[in-house]
Every structure is written in structure tokens, then in C-alpha cells.
Protein backbone atom coordinates (compact mmCIF):
# COMPACT_ATOMS: atom_id res chain seq x y z
CA MET A 1 126.91 93.49 118.35
CA ALA A 2 129.30 95.84 119.26
CA ILE A 3 129.46 98.51 116.58
CA SER A 4 132.78 98.23 114.53
CA PRO A 5 133.70 102.03 113.50
CA ASN A 6 136.47 103.16 111.10
CA ASP A 7 140.04 104.25 111.95
CA ASP A 8 141.47 107.36 111.52
CA PHE A 9 143.90 107.79 108.51
CA THR A 10 147.07 109.58 108.00
CA ALA A 11 148.94 110.56 105.34
CA GLY A 12 150.76 107.89 103.17
CA GLN A 13 148.97 105.13 104.87
CA VAL A 14 147.38 102.21 102.78
CA LEU A 15 144.13 101.94 102.50
CA THR A 16 143.04 98.17 103.10
CA ALA A 17 139.71 96.16 101.64
CA THR A 18 138.85 95.70 106.04
CA GLU A 19 138.80 99.14 106.27
CA CYS A 20 137.06 99.87 103.14
CA ASN A 21 134.50 97.46 104.24
CA GLN A 22 133.99 99.52 107.59
CA PHE A 23 132.35 102.26 105.30
CA PRO A 24 128.59 102.44 105.14
CA ARG A 25 127.47 101.50 101.68
CA GLY A 26 124.72 104.07 101.45
CA VAL A 27 121.16 103.99 99.69
CA MET A 28 120.29 100.27 98.98
CA ALA A 29 116.81 100.75 98.13
CA PHE A 30 114.59 104.11 97.64
CA VAL A 31 111.23 104.65 96.76
CA GLN A 32 108.65 107.67 96.89
CA SER A 33 105.28 108.33 95.81
CA THR A 34 102.93 111.03 95.09
CA THR A 35 99.83 109.44 94.80
CA THR A 36 97.34 110.58 97.65
CA ASP A 37 95.63 107.14 99.41
CA ALA A 38 92.53 108.26 100.92
CA THR A 39 91.24 105.11 102.21
CA ILE A 40 93.22 104.17 104.71
CA THR A 41 91.43 101.70 107.70
CA ALA A 42 93.00 98.56 107.69
CA GLU A 43 96.44 97.64 107.78
CA GLU A 44 97.66 98.55 103.94
CA ILE A 45 101.29 98.32 102.16
CA GLN A 46 101.78 102.43 101.34
CA LEU A 47 105.27 101.25 99.60
CA THR A 48 107.45 98.65 98.54
CA SER A 49 111.48 99.08 98.42
CA ALA A 50 113.20 97.38 95.67
CA SER A 51 114.85 93.85 96.14
CA PHE A 52 118.44 94.64 97.38
CA THR A 53 120.94 92.19 98.79
CA ALA A 54 121.31 92.54 102.84
CA VAL A 55 124.38 91.75 104.15
CA ALA A 56 125.22 90.03 107.36
CA ASN A 57 126.45 92.04 110.16
CA ARG A 58 125.67 95.36 108.74
CA TYR A 59 123.49 97.91 110.64
CA TYR A 60 120.62 98.97 108.56
CA ARG A 61 118.58 102.20 108.74
CA ILE A 62 114.82 101.92 107.58
CA THR A 63 113.12 105.46 107.14
CA TYR A 64 109.71 105.48 106.22
CA TYR A 65 108.16 109.37 105.96
CA GLU A 66 104.94 110.30 104.98
CA PRO A 67 104.11 114.23 104.33
CA GLN A 68 100.70 114.63 105.42
CA VAL A 69 98.37 112.43 107.10
CA SER A 70 94.75 113.55 107.53
CA SER A 71 92.48 112.09 110.20
CA PRO A 72 88.73 111.89 111.05
CA ALA A 73 87.18 114.12 113.26
CA THR A 74 87.12 111.87 115.73
CA ALA A 75 88.24 112.31 118.90
CA GLY A 76 91.17 109.80 120.00
CA ALA A 77 91.56 108.23 116.32
CA TYR A 78 94.68 107.27 115.50
CA ALA A 79 96.55 105.99 112.76
CA THR A 80 99.88 103.36 112.52
CA GLY A 81 102.88 103.62 110.47
CA ALA A 82 104.99 100.37 109.97
CA ILE A 83 108.01 99.07 108.28
CA ARG A 84 107.68 95.37 107.69
CA LEU A 85 109.83 92.92 105.76
CA THR A 86 108.48 91.80 102.64
CA ASN A 87 104.91 91.92 103.09
CA LEU A 88 101.49 92.34 105.57
CA ALA A 89 102.47 89.41 107.25
CA GLY A 90 106.14 89.83 107.27
CA THR A 91 108.03 90.57 110.83
CA LYS A 92 107.53 94.24 111.49
CA TYR A 93 110.31 96.15 112.88
CA GLN A 94 109.50 99.33 113.96
CA GLN A 95 106.02 101.21 114.43
CA SER A 96 104.79 105.14 114.92
CA ILE A 97 101.54 106.33 115.88
CA VAL A 98 100.05 109.61 115.01
CA GLN A 99 96.64 110.21 116.95
CA ASN A 100 93.88 112.92 116.80
CA VAL A 101 93.39 114.37 120.42
CA PRO A 102 90.79 117.04 119.39
CA ALA A 103 87.42 116.30 117.58
CA THR A 104 88.44 117.90 114.44
CA LEU A 105 90.44 117.57 111.28
CA VAL A 106 94.24 117.52 112.25
CA ASN A 107 96.82 116.96 109.36
CA TYR A 108 100.37 115.36 110.95
CA SER A 109 103.70 114.43 109.34
CA MET A 110 104.36 110.90 109.84
CA THR A 111 108.06 109.28 110.21
CA THR A 112 109.09 105.67 110.81
CA VAL A 113 112.33 104.87 111.44
CA TRP A 114 114.18 101.73 112.66
CA VAL A 115 118.26 100.34 112.85
CA GLY A 116 119.00 97.07 112.96
CA THR A 117 120.65 93.82 111.01
CA LEU A 118 118.87 92.00 108.40
CA THR A 119 119.20 88.61 107.67
CA ALA A 120 121.68 88.42 104.80
CA GLY A 121 120.21 87.68 100.90
CA SER A 122 117.64 89.13 98.70
CA THR A 123 115.45 91.21 100.68
CA VAL A 124 112.45 93.39 100.53
CA ILE A 125 110.99 96.04 102.46
CA VAL A 126 107.10 97.46 102.86
CA ALA A 127 105.89 100.72 104.52
CA THR A 128 101.96 100.20 105.80
CA MET A 129 99.77 102.46 107.15
CA GLN A 130 96.44 102.14 109.64
CA GLY A 131 93.81 103.46 110.74
CA PHE A 132 91.61 103.34 113.79
CA SER A 133 88.32 104.62 114.73
CA GLY A 134 87.79 106.07 111.37
CA THR A 135 89.52 106.53 107.45
CA PHE A 136 92.75 108.33 107.49
CA SER A 137 94.33 109.77 104.13
CA ALA A 138 98.27 109.64 103.48
CA ASN A 139 98.30 113.43 101.00
CA ARG A 140 100.75 113.69 99.03
CA SER A 141 101.79 115.37 96.03
CA ALA A 142 104.88 116.25 93.50
CA THR A 143 106.43 118.77 96.23
CA GLN A 144 105.04 116.78 98.97
CA PRO A 145 106.05 112.38 98.60
CA ALA A 146 106.19 110.19 101.19
CA GLN A 147 109.42 107.98 100.70
CA LEU A 148 110.78 104.55 101.57
CA THR A 149 114.77 104.31 102.30
CA VAL A 150 117.13 101.43 103.05
CA GLU A 151 120.10 102.64 103.73
CA ASP A 152 123.67 100.50 104.91
CA ILE A 153 125.34 102.16 107.84
CA GLY A 154 128.22 100.48 108.27
CA PRO A 155 129.02 97.28 109.97
CA ALA A 156 127.46 95.63 113.32
């Protein structure tokens, strides 16, 4: 779909409903966690968005951020972070990866971002992590929370 940007406005012009609908609608859902998960091996849900109503033909930007992912002291171990629709079995929209190249304990941050359109209707997004070749930890605190944000960024 082609992007449909808004118009330039001039003084005295009447703002129409169509022009208003061209604006981004902002944050549709936001959740964060300050609780560490130190047992990540199989894919598991880390964050679940509140249900929101997606609108057809609009772009959404979904961002999943983990402030500190600790790897096992295993060369080649890696973890994935994913954005999915509804639950673990839902459509995977995007995935990121952090890999431990040296055989030492390493800490990384992980950001996964997806931009696209959603099916209209009630929608829940989940952020997941999975560890490979060892157990990973998602270390969080009050000053370093994991976050999942869903934003409406405008018409498609």
C-alpha cells in the first residue's frame, strides 16, 4: 500500500475529518515489566499488550525492548526476541537475535521493531524470548524495564 501523508496547512484553512484521519493516533498499547526472568530456554511470553482495536489500512509500529539480556558462558549461544500476534502460536511479525560469540558471560540489550498493517478488530500483541544452547536471563529493574509499545503511525 502507498503511504498517505497529510497536507500542508495554511492560515485560515478549514481542517476536515479526512485530514484529521491522516494524523497518527499515537500509543495504542503499552506495557512494561521490572521483574527479571532468569530461566529462558524454550520460547516464552515476556510481555502481553492490553487489547486494543486495530483499524484496517493503518500502519502500526510495534517495539519490544529488553534492557539487559545475559547469555550463558557458551560460545555460539544465542537468544531471539519476537513480536507475535495474540500468543505463542500467533503470527510472528518480527524477530531479533543476540549471539554470544566469546565463551564468557555477556550482557546485551535487545530491540525488536515491526512496522505494518493489522487486521481490523480487537488485537493483542505479545513479546517473546527464546534461548538456544543454554539458559538466558532478561534482567530488569525499576530503572531498566522491559517494554512493549504499539503505536498507530498513520494511514497506509
